[in-house]
Amino acid sequence: MLEFNMPVHEGWNIVNIAMQVPESHQIFVCPENCARGVVMTALEMDAADRISCVTVDERDLIVDNLETVTIDGASEVVDELEERPRVIFLFTVCSHRVLSCDFDYVFKALRKKYPDIIWEHAFMDCIGQKEGPAPDVKLRCAMYDFLPKSETDEKIVNLLGSEVTATASDNDIVDFYQKRGFRVRQLSDIHTFDEYMKLGNASLNICMYKPGDEGVRRFSERLGIPYELKLPFYDFADEYQSDGGLEALRDLIGDTPVVIDSMAVSCPYSLAEFLSDLGFHVQAVVADGPADYEKDIYDRLIEKYPSLMTVRPTDPRLREESYRASLIDVASGSKILAIGPMAAWVYDTPYFVNQIEDDGCYGHNGVNALFEKMKDAFDNPKDLQHIVSRKALGCCC
């Protein structure tokens, strides 16, 4: 099935995500066309030495069997590496699924042949994205599945599940625990595999990003570590109604249309309701529709603001500039303020907040940080075409 894919690449993909495990290596067993994107990502990260590809061609599918091709190819990669990786993420693709590859046999053989390496199964099967967990969700499970239990340190809290770093200045959770003498540990703080293997010594795991929930929850339950998916929501509206900074921002933006995308924030409809209730002119959300955890919010939002649009990122009409131009009425002014790179591209606006995955923001501090970014985005246009095509916002690329 063909699907429109807009030229916005700021989100982290499976290569970026797996690279967070220090001293790890990735092996992709796939046709050349599939390998192109992952190799480009590794090159952009200056990490080409941490990724290998085993090319699968038509003969391998017809004459040979994928079990042998996968085992022999992965073995050749390991034998040629200058240094043995501590863990290998072996990515299988759609061909393995279609031909019913015996994964148990493959991994049993590789673990027996290389007992000093941890072998973890990862996926790059596009056809599997329409049923069950997405490949990035399954990868975030694999990243924690091999971690052992360590002696608990009551003063360590793990903040996991997201690829961006949260700071006390923009995250109430970090601020709360740091002020009480806790060390808030994130993957960006870990630089060696031995440090990574100590993640199981935390007194609490907190997941900041919904796609990381299954992996962090499974890791927590397996090791008996208390777990939270964020913290209970509390309403900030009254606080901001009396905040002079909010009034100044509202006066600055006025009736300028605001559009939000699901790459920028994990709960775009919640943010749309929050901003609309505060008096901002939210016109559209760029998303595949509400996730399960936002359906009630979406229903309430549409009842209160029936003109709010949902623009689906896979809509092929987005290829046409005329269609994109017709999506919003900008009679109130020439500006459109976008929160997120997808929304900026759809509405062709240089006035946008350039962030992904909430940018580590949460709570009162997070909302204040977002307001500051909105003000800066409104005042300072960005080079849209140059920025949104970059992969993995925040990486060295």
Protein backbone atom coordinates (compact mmCIF):
# COMPACT_ATOMS: atom_id res chain seq x y z
CA MET A 1 0.00 0.00 0.00
CA LEU A 2 1.38 3.42 -0.99
CA GLU A 3 1.14 6.22 1.53
CA PHE A 4 2.04 9.91 1.39
CA ASN A 5 5.02 10.79 3.57
CA MET A 6 5.59 14.49 4.15
CA PRO A 7 9.22 15.74 3.97
CA VAL A 8 9.51 16.37 7.70
CA HIS A 9 12.04 14.15 9.43
CA GLU A 10 12.71 15.67 12.84
CA GLY A 11 11.38 12.74 14.85
CA TRP A 12 13.74 10.05 16.09
CA ASN A 13 13.65 6.77 14.17
CA ILE A 14 14.64 3.27 15.22
CA VAL A 15 18.32 3.83 14.42
CA ASN A 16 18.49 6.96 16.57
CA ILE A 17 16.62 5.28 19.42
CA ALA A 18 18.79 2.14 19.58
CA MET A 19 21.96 4.25 19.48
CA GLN A 20 21.12 5.40 23.01
CA VAL A 21 22.42 2.08 24.35
CA PRO A 22 26.20 2.61 24.71
CA GLU A 23 28.59 0.07 23.15
CA SER A 24 25.75 -1.46 21.15
CA HIS A 25 25.68 -2.43 17.48
CA GLN A 26 22.78 -2.67 15.03
CA ILE A 27 22.48 -5.25 12.25
CA PHE A 28 19.76 -4.85 9.63
CA VAL A 29 18.95 -7.91 7.52
CA CYS A 30 17.06 -6.45 4.59
CA PRO A 31 16.99 -5.57 0.86
CA GLU A 32 19.21 -2.70 -0.27
CA ASN A 33 16.31 -0.28 -0.66
CA CYS A 34 15.26 -0.77 2.95
CA ALA A 35 18.84 -0.28 4.15
CA ARG A 36 19.26 3.10 2.48
CA GLY A 37 17.38 5.10 5.11
CA VAL A 38 18.98 3.49 8.14
CA VAL A 39 22.49 3.88 6.71
CA MET A 40 21.83 7.57 6.02
CA THR A 41 20.66 8.06 9.60
CA ALA A 42 23.81 6.44 10.99
CA LEU A 43 25.97 8.62 8.74
CA GLU A 44 24.12 11.75 9.88
CA MET A 45 24.82 10.75 13.48
CA ASP A 46 28.50 10.12 12.72
CA ALA A 47 27.93 6.57 13.93
CA ALA A 48 28.47 4.48 10.80
CA ASP A 49 30.80 2.19 12.77
CA ARG A 50 27.87 1.08 14.94
CA ILE A 51 25.60 -0.20 12.19
CA SER A 52 25.87 -3.04 9.65
CA CYS A 53 23.61 -4.38 6.93
CA VAL A 54 23.14 -7.90 5.59
CA THR A 55 21.72 -7.57 2.07
CA VAL A 56 18.85 -9.86 1.16
CA ASP A 57 18.21 -10.34 -2.58
CA GLU A 58 15.60 -12.20 -4.59
CA ARG A 59 17.66 -15.38 -4.77
CA ASP A 60 17.88 -15.51 -0.98
CA LEU A 61 14.10 -15.47 -0.81
CA ILE A 62 13.50 -18.06 -3.53
CA VAL A 63 16.40 -20.51 -3.35
CA ASP A 64 17.76 -20.19 0.18
CA ASN A 65 15.95 -19.62 3.46
CA LEU A 66 15.97 -16.49 5.58
CA GLU A 67 17.04 -18.33 8.72
CA THR A 68 20.37 -19.31 7.13
CA VAL A 69 20.83 -15.93 5.46
CA THR A 70 20.20 -14.11 8.75
CA ILE A 71 22.44 -16.32 10.89
CA ASP A 72 25.32 -16.44 8.39
CA GLY A 73 25.10 -12.73 7.62
CA ALA A 74 25.03 -11.69 11.28
CA SER A 75 27.92 -14.05 12.03
CA GLU A 76 30.01 -12.54 9.25
CA VAL A 77 29.37 -9.06 10.63
CA VAL A 78 30.43 -10.05 14.15
CA ASP A 79 33.57 -11.82 12.94
CA GLU A 80 34.68 -8.75 10.98
CA LEU A 81 34.10 -6.17 13.72
CA GLU A 82 37.27 -4.80 15.31
CA GLU A 83 35.65 -4.78 18.76
CA ARG A 84 32.93 -7.06 20.08
CA PRO A 85 29.79 -5.08 20.93
CA ARG A 86 28.21 -5.72 24.32
CA VAL A 87 24.73 -5.96 22.81
CA ILE A 88 23.48 -6.36 19.25
CA PHE A 89 20.04 -5.27 18.07
CA LEU A 90 19.23 -7.54 15.14
CA PHE A 91 16.55 -5.93 12.97
CA THR A 92 14.33 -8.13 10.82
CA VAL A 93 12.02 -6.80 8.11
CA CYS A 94 8.80 -7.48 6.20
CA SER A 95 10.36 -10.37 4.25
CA HIS A 96 10.94 -12.28 7.48
CA ARG A 97 7.32 -11.83 8.46
CA VAL A 98 5.89 -12.78 5.04
CA LEU A 99 8.04 -15.92 4.82
CA SER A 100 7.39 -16.92 8.46
CA CYS A 101 11.03 -16.87 9.52
CA ASP A 102 11.73 -19.03 12.59
CA PHE A 103 13.00 -16.29 14.90
CA ASP A 104 13.42 -18.63 17.87
CA TYR A 105 15.82 -20.76 15.86
CA VAL A 106 17.76 -17.72 14.59
CA PHE A 107 18.34 -16.20 18.01
CA LYS A 108 19.04 -19.53 19.70
CA ALA A 109 21.76 -20.21 17.13
CA LEU A 110 23.34 -16.75 17.46
CA ARG A 111 23.29 -16.78 21.27
CA LYS A 112 24.93 -20.19 21.29
CA LYS A 113 27.61 -19.12 18.80
CA TYR A 114 28.36 -15.80 20.55
CA PRO A 115 27.50 -16.24 24.24
CA ASP A 116 29.47 -13.11 25.21
CA ILE A 117 27.04 -10.89 23.27
CA ILE A 118 23.49 -9.97 24.27
CA TRP A 119 21.24 -10.49 21.22
CA GLU A 120 18.00 -8.52 21.10
CA HIS A 121 15.32 -8.82 18.42
CA ALA A 122 14.23 -5.53 16.84
CA PHE A 123 11.89 -4.82 13.93
CA MET A 124 11.75 -2.72 10.78
CA ASP A 125 8.64 -4.33 9.31
CA CYS A 126 6.49 -1.66 7.71
CA ILE A 127 3.61 -4.04 7.08
CA GLY A 128 3.43 -4.75 10.82
CA GLN A 129 2.73 -1.13 11.72
CA LYS A 130 -0.99 -1.52 11.07
CA GLU A 131 -1.41 -4.25 13.67
CA GLY A 132 0.05 -4.48 17.15
CA PRO A 133 2.81 -2.28 18.59
CA ALA A 134 4.81 -0.12 16.19
CA PRO A 135 8.50 -0.96 15.58
CA ASP A 136 9.71 1.92 17.78
CA VAL A 137 7.50 0.70 20.65
CA LYS A 138 8.88 -2.85 20.34
CA LEU A 139 12.41 -1.46 20.20
CA ARG A 140 11.90 0.48 23.42
CA CYS A 141 10.88 -2.85 24.99
CA ALA A 142 13.99 -4.63 23.67
CA MET A 143 16.24 -1.88 25.06
CA TYR A 144 15.18 -2.70 28.63
CA ASP A 145 14.49 -6.43 28.41
CA PHE A 146 18.05 -7.51 29.26
CA LEU A 147 18.65 -5.13 32.18
CA PRO A 148 19.35 -6.96 35.48
CA LYS A 149 18.10 -6.07 38.92
CA SER A 150 20.62 -4.12 41.01
CA GLU A 151 20.64 -3.13 44.66
CA THR A 152 18.14 -0.30 44.95
CA ASP A 153 19.44 3.22 45.46
CA GLU A 154 16.63 5.09 47.18
CA LYS A 155 17.92 8.41 45.86
CA ILE A 156 17.77 7.60 42.13
CA VAL A 157 14.74 8.17 39.89
CA ASN A 158 14.80 7.05 36.24
CA LEU A 159 13.12 9.34 33.71
CA LEU A 160 12.76 7.11 30.64
CA GLY A 161 10.76 6.53 27.47
CA SER A 162 11.66 9.69 25.55
CA GLU A 163 14.69 10.60 23.46
CA VAL A 164 14.85 14.24 24.57
CA THR A 165 16.40 15.51 27.80
CA ALA A 166 14.22 17.09 30.47
CA THR A 167 15.63 19.79 32.76
CA ALA A 168 14.40 21.27 36.02
CA SER A 169 13.75 24.60 34.30
CA ASP A 170 11.14 23.05 31.99
CA ASN A 171 9.93 19.97 33.87
CA ASP A 172 8.16 19.92 37.24
CA ILE A 173 9.08 16.27 37.84
CA VAL A 174 12.81 16.91 37.50
CA ASP A 175 12.49 20.06 39.62
CA PHE A 176 10.50 18.23 42.32
CA TYR A 177 12.94 15.37 42.77
CA GLN A 178 16.14 17.36 42.43
CA LYS A 179 15.03 19.79 45.14
CA ARG A 180 14.56 16.78 47.46
CA GLY A 181 18.04 15.42 46.88
CA PHE A 182 17.22 12.77 44.26
CA ARG A 183 19.34 12.10 41.21
CA VAL A 184 17.07 12.16 38.16
CA ARG A 185 18.75 9.83 35.67
CA GLN A 186 18.02 9.92 31.93
CA LEU A 187 19.52 8.01 29.01
CA SER A 188 21.38 11.16 27.96
CA ASP A 189 23.33 10.90 31.25
CA ILE A 190 24.65 7.40 30.46
CA HIS A 191 27.84 6.98 28.46
CA THR A 192 29.02 3.39 29.05
CA PHE A 193 27.35 0.01 28.86
CA ASP A 194 28.23 -0.73 32.50
CA GLU A 195 26.39 2.43 33.54
CA TYR A 196 23.45 1.40 31.38
CA MET A 197 23.28 -2.00 33.07
CA LYS A 198 22.74 -0.24 36.42
CA LEU A 199 19.40 1.28 35.37
CA GLY A 200 17.73 -1.43 37.44
CA ASN A 201 18.86 0.14 40.72
CA ALA A 202 16.36 3.04 40.67
CA SER A 203 13.73 3.48 43.36
CA LEU A 204 11.20 4.74 40.80
CA ASN A 205 10.74 4.68 37.02
CA ILE A 206 8.81 7.50 35.33
CA CYS A 207 7.93 7.39 31.62
CA MET A 208 7.60 10.78 29.94
CA TYR A 209 6.44 9.68 26.49
CA LYS A 210 3.51 7.40 25.65
CA PRO A 211 5.31 5.23 23.02
CA GLY A 212 7.83 4.31 25.74
CA ASP A 213 5.13 3.18 28.17
CA GLU A 214 5.07 -0.53 27.32
CA GLY A 215 8.85 -0.91 27.48
CA VAL A 216 9.34 1.03 30.71
CA ARG A 217 6.33 -0.60 32.36
CA ARG A 218 7.50 -4.10 31.41
CA PHE A 219 11.00 -3.32 32.66
CA SER A 220 9.57 -1.97 35.94
CA GLU A 221 7.26 -4.93 36.55
CA ARG A 222 9.99 -7.47 35.78
CA LEU A 223 12.39 -5.93 38.31
CA GLY A 224 9.79 -4.83 40.85
CA ILE A 225 10.49 -1.11 40.49
CA PRO A 226 7.58 1.28 41.21
CA TYR A 227 6.36 2.85 37.97
CA GLU A 228 4.56 5.99 36.83
CA LEU A 229 3.43 7.08 33.38
CA LYS A 230 3.91 10.78 34.05
CA LEU A 231 2.09 12.06 37.14
CA PRO A 232 -1.59 12.94 37.75
CA PHE A 233 -2.74 15.90 35.63
CA TYR A 234 -3.60 19.09 37.39
CA ASP A 235 -5.31 22.15 35.89
CA PHE A 236 -3.10 25.20 35.39
CA ALA A 237 -5.72 27.43 33.79
CA ASP A 238 -6.47 29.56 36.87
CA GLU A 239 -2.77 30.16 37.49
CA TYR A 240 -2.21 31.44 33.95
CA GLN A 241 -5.35 33.58 33.85
CA SER A 242 -3.76 35.83 36.48
CA ASP A 243 -0.27 35.63 34.98
CA GLY A 244 0.91 38.89 33.40
CA GLY A 245 3.15 36.93 31.05
CA LEU A 246 0.14 35.12 29.63
CA GLU A 247 -1.70 38.37 29.02
CA ALA A 248 1.33 39.78 27.21
CA LEU A 249 1.59 36.65 25.04
CA ARG A 250 -2.11 36.72 24.24
CA ASP A 251 -1.90 40.40 23.31
CA LEU A 252 1.12 39.67 21.10
CA ILE A 253 -0.41 36.73 19.25
CA GLY A 254 -3.96 38.10 19.16
CA ASP A 255 -6.20 36.29 16.65
CA THR A 256 -3.28 34.70 14.82
CA PRO A 257 -4.24 31.13 13.88
CA VAL A 258 -2.38 28.50 15.92
CA VAL A 259 -1.82 24.98 14.58
CA ILE A 260 -0.37 22.06 16.57
CA ASP A 261 1.14 18.74 15.52
CA SER A 262 1.55 15.35 17.11
CA MET A 263 5.30 15.27 16.47
CA ALA A 264 5.78 18.28 18.72
CA VAL A 265 3.60 17.15 21.61
CA SER A 266 2.37 13.73 22.68
CA CYS A 267 -1.10 15.06 23.58
CA PRO A 268 -1.92 17.58 20.81
CA TYR A 269 -5.66 17.66 21.47
CA SER A 270 -5.09 18.29 25.18
CA LEU A 271 -2.84 21.21 24.27
CA ALA A 272 -5.41 22.47 21.75
CA GLU A 273 -8.10 22.51 24.45
CA PHE A 274 -5.76 24.14 26.98
CA LEU A 275 -4.75 26.95 24.64
CA SER A 276 -8.28 27.44 23.30
CA ASP A 277 -9.64 27.76 26.83
CA LEU A 278 -7.00 30.41 27.50
CA GLY A 279 -8.21 32.44 24.54
CA PHE A 280 -5.82 31.45 21.77
CA HIS A 281 -7.19 30.93 18.25
CA VAL A 282 -6.34 27.24 17.72
CA GLN A 283 -7.42 26.28 14.21
CA ALA A 284 -6.07 22.79 13.54
CA VAL A 285 -4.24 19.73 14.81
CA VAL A 286 -1.98 17.77 12.45
CA ALA A 287 -2.34 14.16 13.61
CA ASP A 288 -3.71 10.76 12.62
CA GLY A 289 -6.64 11.51 14.90
CA PRO A 290 -6.87 11.17 18.66
CA ALA A 291 -4.91 8.40 20.35
CA ASP A 292 -6.85 6.14 22.72
CA TYR A 293 -5.76 8.19 25.72
CA GLU A 294 -7.08 11.43 24.13
CA LYS A 295 -10.43 10.28 22.75
CA ASP A 296 -12.49 11.68 25.62
CA ILE A 297 -10.58 14.95 25.43
CA TYR A 298 -11.10 15.08 21.66
CA ASP A 299 -14.87 14.56 22.00
CA ARG A 300 -15.09 17.35 24.58
CA LEU A 301 -12.86 19.62 22.51
CA ILE A 302 -14.93 19.24 19.33
CA GLU A 303 -18.11 19.90 21.25
CA LYS A 304 -16.67 23.17 22.59
CA TYR A 305 -14.80 24.19 19.41
CA PRO A 306 -16.55 22.49 16.44
CA SER A 307 -14.51 24.41 13.84
CA LEU A 308 -11.24 22.77 14.93
CA MET A 309 -9.77 20.74 12.06
CA THR A 310 -7.76 17.53 12.09
CA VAL A 311 -5.25 17.28 9.22
CA ARG A 312 -3.89 13.78 8.71
CA PRO A 313 -0.15 13.69 7.87
CA THR A 314 -0.70 10.85 5.35
CA ASP A 315 -3.35 12.72 3.32
CA PRO A 316 -1.99 12.65 -0.27
CA ARG A 317 -3.65 16.00 -1.01
CA LEU A 318 -0.92 17.61 1.09
CA ARG A 319 1.37 17.22 -1.93
CA GLU A 320 -0.54 20.10 -3.54
CA GLU A 321 0.40 23.60 -2.43
CA SER A 322 -3.05 24.85 -3.42
CA TYR A 323 -4.71 22.35 -1.11
CA ARG A 324 -2.43 23.26 1.80
CA ALA A 325 -3.14 26.94 1.17
CA SER A 326 -6.88 26.28 1.38
CA LEU A 327 -6.74 24.70 4.83
CA ILE A 328 -6.87 27.88 6.84
CA ASP A 329 -8.29 31.38 6.55
CA VAL A 330 -5.63 33.93 7.40
CA ALA A 331 -7.78 36.98 6.80
CA SER A 332 -6.98 38.08 10.35
CA GLY A 333 -3.33 38.54 9.37
CA SER A 334 -0.48 37.11 7.36
CA LYS A 335 0.99 34.98 10.14
CA ILE A 336 0.26 31.44 11.21
CA LEU A 337 1.90 30.23 14.43
CA ALA A 338 2.74 26.52 14.35
CA ILE A 339 3.68 24.34 17.31
CA GLY A 340 5.73 21.60 15.70
CA PRO A 341 7.55 20.99 12.42
CA MET A 342 4.75 19.04 10.68
CA ALA A 343 2.27 21.84 11.30
CA ALA A 344 4.82 24.37 10.06
CA TRP A 345 5.31 22.46 6.80
CA VAL A 346 1.60 21.86 6.16
CA TYR A 347 0.81 25.55 6.63
CA ASP A 348 4.06 26.78 5.08
CA THR A 349 4.87 29.10 7.94
CA PRO A 350 8.32 30.15 9.17
CA TYR A 351 6.80 31.09 12.54
CA PHE A 352 6.96 27.83 14.42
CA VAL A 353 8.04 26.21 17.68
CA ASN A 354 10.70 23.72 16.67
CA GLN A 355 10.37 20.80 19.08
CA ILE A 356 9.52 17.09 19.20
CA GLU A 357 8.19 14.73 21.90
CA ASP A 358 7.18 17.58 24.28
CA ASP A 359 10.85 18.70 24.34
CA GLY A 360 11.14 17.28 27.85
CA CYS A 361 8.54 19.74 29.16
CA TYR A 362 6.02 18.90 31.86
CA GLY A 363 3.83 20.74 34.35
CA HIS A 364 3.87 24.43 35.29
CA ASN A 365 7.50 24.87 34.25
CA GLY A 366 6.79 23.11 30.97
CA VAL A 367 3.87 25.37 30.10
CA ASN A 368 5.94 28.46 30.92
CA ALA A 369 8.71 27.11 28.67
CA LEU A 370 6.20 26.54 25.85
CA PHE A 371 4.85 30.08 26.19
CA GLU A 372 8.37 31.45 25.87
CA LYS A 373 8.93 29.33 22.74
CA MET A 374 5.64 30.56 21.24
CA LYS A 375 6.68 34.16 21.85
CA ASP A 376 10.09 33.59 20.26
CA ALA A 377 8.54 31.73 17.31
CA PHE A 378 6.09 34.58 16.71
CA ASP A 379 8.84 37.21 16.75
CA ASN A 380 11.60 35.31 14.94
CA PRO A 381 10.88 33.45 11.68
CA LYS A 382 12.93 30.33 10.90
CA ASP A 383 14.27 28.78 7.70
CA LEU A 384 11.49 26.22 7.35
CA GLN A 385 12.80 24.18 4.41
CA HIS A 386 16.30 23.93 5.84
CA ILE A 387 15.22 22.91 9.34
CA VAL A 388 12.34 20.45 8.99
CA SER A 389 14.24 18.07 6.70
CA ARG A 390 16.83 17.28 9.38
CA LYS A 391 16.50 13.95 11.11
CA ALA A 392 16.34 13.52 14.89
CA LEU A 393 16.13 17.02 16.33
CA GLY A 394 18.90 17.47 18.87
CA CYS A 395 21.31 14.89 17.42
CA CYS A 396 24.75 15.84 16.14
CA CYS A 397 23.40 16.01 12.57
